[in-house]
Structures are given as structure tokens and as C-alpha cells.
Amino acid sequence: MTAMERLSTRKGPRLRSLLKSERMYELKSNEDGALFLDVVVGGSKLHTVRLELDASERKRWESGGERYLDGLATELSRDELKFGERLQNV
């Protein structure tokens, strides 16, 4: 079971905010150490989606920090479909 599946099966998942950006995204972690990027997306109908960072994305976050997350959040907001089933509506 992935961390995302554990999140969706629990009542009231406990996520800790690690970084909140003015660019309409927030990085969060759960008690297992999984990282999630919540991004506000949409044009006329804004909504938030959650992406669990995979191993490659985690490494890029560790080396690139907020600058990397800025780019990932922008990419996600421009093309949600690219991330497919990895996204969860929040």
C-alpha cells in the first residue's frame, strides 16, 4: 500500500505542513515521511490536487528546494493530465 492509499483510507490524515508558498502550493508530510504537494489548479473553477512525490521528485526537492517545487507546481497546474492517477482531489 502506498502512502497515498494510506491517506485515502484513514479518517482525517495527519499531515504536517513543511512549506507554504505564495504561488498557491503547499508541501506536506505524513508520519511515515511521505511528501505531498498540494497545488491549487483550475481556471474558472479552482480546486486543490495532491501529488505524492516519488523517489526522483524527492531527490530533486532535496537538491533544488523551493525552486524545484515552484517548477513542479507550475507544471502540475498547467497540465494535470500529465500526472494522471497520481493526483488526488483534496
Protein backbone atom coordinates (compact mmCIF):
# COMPACT_ATOMS: atom_id res chain seq x y z
CA MET A 1 0.00 0.00 0.00
CA THR A 2 1.39 3.37 -1.00
CA ALA A 3 1.40 6.36 1.30
CA MET A 4 -1.30 7.91 -0.90
CA GLU A 5 -3.53 4.85 -0.40
CA ARG A 6 -2.97 5.03 3.35
CA LEU A 7 -4.00 8.68 3.24
CA SER A 8 -7.21 7.96 1.39
CA THR A 9 -8.28 5.11 3.71
CA ARG A 10 -7.70 6.91 7.01
CA LYS A 11 -10.12 9.25 8.65
CA GLY A 12 -8.53 12.66 8.98
CA PRO A 13 -4.97 12.01 7.81
CA ARG A 14 -2.41 13.86 9.84
CA LEU A 15 -0.30 15.90 7.52
CA ARG A 16 2.29 18.35 8.69
CA SER A 17 2.93 21.48 6.64
CA LEU A 18 6.59 21.86 5.67
CA LEU A 19 6.39 24.78 3.26
CA LYS A 20 3.60 27.11 2.19
CA SER A 21 4.23 29.13 -0.95
CA GLU A 22 2.63 32.32 -2.19
CA ARG A 23 2.48 30.51 -5.53
CA MET A 24 -0.56 28.55 -4.35
CA TYR A 25 1.05 25.30 -3.28
CA GLU A 26 1.99 23.63 -0.02
CA LEU A 27 4.43 20.83 0.75
CA LYS A 28 3.27 18.42 3.45
CA SER A 29 4.49 15.20 5.04
CA ASN A 30 2.80 12.39 6.91
CA GLU A 31 4.06 10.41 9.89
CA ASP A 32 5.69 7.88 7.53
CA GLY A 33 7.81 10.61 5.95
CA ALA A 34 6.00 10.62 2.60
CA LEU A 35 5.91 14.03 0.92
CA PHE A 36 2.83 15.53 -0.73
CA LEU A 37 2.46 18.62 -2.85
CA ASP A 38 -0.95 20.30 -2.66
CA VAL A 39 -1.46 22.67 -5.59
CA VAL A 40 -4.37 24.98 -6.38
CA VAL A 41 -5.27 24.44 -10.04
CA GLY A 42 -8.01 25.36 -12.49
CA GLY A 43 -9.20 28.38 -14.36
CA SER A 44 -12.74 29.44 -13.56
CA LYS A 45 -13.20 26.61 -11.07
CA LEU A 46 -10.26 26.50 -8.68
CA HIS A 47 -9.64 23.29 -6.76
CA THR A 48 -6.73 21.64 -4.97
CA VAL A 49 -4.99 18.46 -6.03
CA ARG A 50 -2.45 16.43 -4.07
CA LEU A 51 0.58 14.72 -5.59
CA GLU A 52 2.69 12.27 -3.64
CA LEU A 53 6.31 12.93 -4.56
CA ASP A 54 8.05 9.86 -5.97
CA ALA A 55 11.70 8.99 -5.27
CA SER A 56 13.00 11.07 -8.19
CA GLU A 57 10.94 14.10 -7.21
CA ARG A 58 12.07 13.77 -3.59
CA LYS A 59 15.72 13.83 -4.67
CA ARG A 60 15.11 16.89 -6.80
CA TRP A 61 13.36 18.59 -3.87
CA GLU A 62 16.29 17.78 -1.59
CA SER A 63 18.79 19.29 -4.04
CA GLY A 64 16.69 22.07 -5.59
CA GLY A 65 14.49 23.10 -2.69
CA GLU A 66 11.73 25.60 -3.19
CA ARG A 67 12.91 26.47 -6.68
CA TYR A 68 12.27 22.87 -7.78
CA LEU A 69 8.83 22.87 -6.15
CA ASP A 70 7.95 26.14 -7.92
CA GLY A 71 8.58 24.43 -11.25
CA LEU A 72 6.78 21.22 -10.32
CA ALA A 73 3.73 23.11 -9.07
CA THR A 74 3.66 25.20 -12.25
CA GLU A 75 3.94 22.08 -14.41
CA LEU A 76 1.14 20.41 -12.48
CA SER A 77 -1.15 23.42 -12.72
CA ARG A 78 -0.59 23.70 -16.47
CA ASP A 79 -1.11 20.01 -17.25
CA GLU A 80 -2.90 17.97 -14.58
CA LEU A 81 -3.47 15.12 -17.02
CA LYS A 82 0.27 14.52 -17.26
CA PHE A 83 0.23 13.28 -13.65
CA GLY A 84 -2.83 11.09 -14.21
CA GLU A 85 -3.78 8.71 -11.43
CA ARG A 86 -1.07 10.05 -9.15
CA LEU A 87 -3.32 13.03 -8.33
CA GLN A 88 -5.91 13.09 -5.62
CA ASN A 89 -8.54 15.81 -5.28
CA VAL A 90 -8.34 17.47 -1.89
